[in-house]
Amino acid sequence: MGSSLTPDLKRILRDAGCVFVRQGKGDHEIWYSPKTNRNFPVDSKILSRNTANAVLKQAGLPKQF
């Protein structure tokens, strides 16, 4: 198994102006994107680049993985 993409993903989200809102169920966090004006979940152990890109899409950002 590879290493988690979550730290890099969170850095990209913060740089884009997204903010942590609250802790969700289990190991998920809820983030807010000012670009889409929506909340979205971020898992604490994202291992798949496809999942990481799906989170970026929910935040209104282009693919980066």
C-alpha atoms as a PDB file:
ATOM      1  CA  MET A   1       0.000   0.000   0.000  1.00  0.00           C
ATOM      2  CA  GLY A   2       1.096   3.528  -0.708  1.00  0.00           C
ATOM      3  CA  SER A   3       1.196   6.451   1.627  1.00  0.00           C
ATOM      4  CA  SER A   4      -1.811   8.619   2.374  1.00  0.00           C
ATOM      5  CA  LEU A   5      -2.545  11.481  -0.012  1.00  0.00           C
ATOM      6  CA  THR A   6      -4.547  13.309   2.658  1.00  0.00           C
ATOM      7  CA  PRO A   7      -1.794  15.703   3.903  1.00  0.00           C
ATOM      8  CA  ASP A   8      -1.088  16.928   0.355  1.00  0.00           C
ATOM      9  CA  LEU A   9      -4.811  17.149  -0.372  1.00  0.00           C
ATOM     10  CA  LYS A  10      -5.458  19.234   2.757  1.00  0.00           C
ATOM     11  CA  ARG A  11      -2.600  21.591   1.809  1.00  0.00           C
ATOM     12  CA  ILE A  12      -4.115  22.083  -1.662  1.00  0.00           C
ATOM     13  CA  LEU A  13      -7.551  22.703  -0.149  1.00  0.00           C
ATOM     14  CA  ARG A  14      -6.197  25.268   2.349  1.00  0.00           C
ATOM     15  CA  ASP A  15      -4.237  27.058  -0.386  1.00  0.00           C
ATOM     16  CA  ALA A  16      -7.466  27.303  -2.418  1.00  0.00           C
ATOM     17  CA  GLY A  17      -9.306  28.936   0.492  1.00  0.00           C
ATOM     18  CA  CYS A  18     -11.222  25.885   1.721  1.00  0.00           C
ATOM     19  CA  VAL A  19     -11.662  25.645   5.484  1.00  0.00           C
ATOM     20  CA  PHE A  20     -12.152  22.847   8.007  1.00  0.00           C
ATOM     21  CA  VAL A  21     -15.688  23.050   9.439  1.00  0.00           C
ATOM     22  CA  ARG A  22     -16.025  20.144  11.869  1.00  0.00           C
ATOM     23  CA  GLN A  23     -15.227  16.522  12.587  1.00  0.00           C
ATOM     24  CA  GLY A  24     -17.623  14.171  10.803  1.00  0.00           C
ATOM     25  CA  LYS A  25     -18.496  10.541  11.477  1.00  0.00           C
ATOM     26  CA  GLY A  26     -15.619   8.151  11.962  1.00  0.00           C
ATOM     27  CA  ASP A  27     -12.370   9.429  10.518  1.00  0.00           C
ATOM     28  CA  HIS A  28     -13.960  11.960   8.153  1.00  0.00           C
ATOM     29  CA  GLU A  29     -13.677  15.736   8.347  1.00  0.00           C
ATOM     30  CA  ILE A  30     -16.178  18.191   6.895  1.00  0.00           C
ATOM     31  CA  TRP A  31     -14.660  21.030   4.856  1.00  0.00           C
ATOM     32  CA  TYR A  32     -16.221  24.099   3.205  1.00  0.00           C
ATOM     33  CA  SER A  33     -15.362  25.419  -0.260  1.00  0.00           C
ATOM     34  CA  PRO A  34     -16.048  29.109  -0.942  1.00  0.00           C
ATOM     35  CA  LYS A  35     -15.791  28.371  -4.666  1.00  0.00           C
ATOM     36  CA  THR A  36     -18.785  25.999  -4.663  1.00  0.00           C
ATOM     37  CA  ASN A  37     -20.399  27.324  -1.450  1.00  0.00           C
ATOM     38  CA  ARG A  38     -20.772  23.710  -0.263  1.00  0.00           C
ATOM     39  CA  ASN A  39     -19.525  21.415   2.481  1.00  0.00           C
ATOM     40  CA  PHE A  40     -17.801  18.158   1.538  1.00  0.00           C
ATOM     41  CA  PRO A  41     -16.223  15.210   3.412  1.00  0.00           C
ATOM     42  CA  VAL A  42     -12.503  14.442   3.485  1.00  0.00           C
ATOM     43  CA  ASP A  43     -11.350  11.019   4.712  1.00  0.00           C
ATOM     44  CA  SER A  44      -8.267  10.922   6.944  1.00  0.00           C
ATOM     45  CA  LYS A  45      -6.594   8.110   4.956  1.00  0.00           C
ATOM     46  CA  ILE A  46      -7.061   8.685   1.224  1.00  0.00           C
ATOM     47  CA  LEU A  47      -4.863   6.195  -0.636  1.00  0.00           C
ATOM     48  CA  SER A  48      -6.337   6.446  -4.153  1.00  0.00           C
ATOM     49  CA  ARG A  49      -5.523   9.328  -6.480  1.00  0.00           C
ATOM     50  CA  ASN A  50      -9.023   8.921  -7.951  1.00  0.00           C
ATOM     51  CA  THR A  51     -10.589   9.521  -4.543  1.00  0.00           C
ATOM     52  CA  ALA A  52      -8.334  12.537  -3.953  1.00  0.00           C
ATOM     53  CA  ASN A  53      -9.338  13.998  -7.329  1.00  0.00           C
ATOM     54  CA  ALA A  54     -13.018  13.380  -6.506  1.00  0.00           C
ATOM     55  CA  VAL A  55     -12.616  15.454  -3.330  1.00  0.00           C
ATOM     56  CA  LEU A  56     -10.997  18.238  -5.368  1.00  0.00           C
ATOM     57  CA  LYS A  57     -13.915  18.093  -7.804  1.00  0.00           C
ATOM     58  CA  GLN A  58     -16.381  18.517  -4.913  1.00  0.00           C
ATOM     59  CA  ALA A  59     -14.368  21.568  -3.851  1.00  0.00           C
ATOM     60  CA  GLY A  60     -14.568  23.003  -7.381  1.00  0.00           C
ATOM     61  CA  LEU A  61     -10.849  22.535  -8.044  1.00  0.00           C
ATOM     62  CA  PRO A  62      -9.050  20.847 -10.973  1.00  0.00           C
ATOM     63  CA  LYS A  63      -7.460  17.390 -10.741  1.00  0.00           C
ATOM     64  CA  GLN A  64      -3.968  17.425  -9.246  1.00  0.00           C
ATOM     65  CA  PHE A  65      -3.222  13.759  -8.528  1.00  0.00           C
END
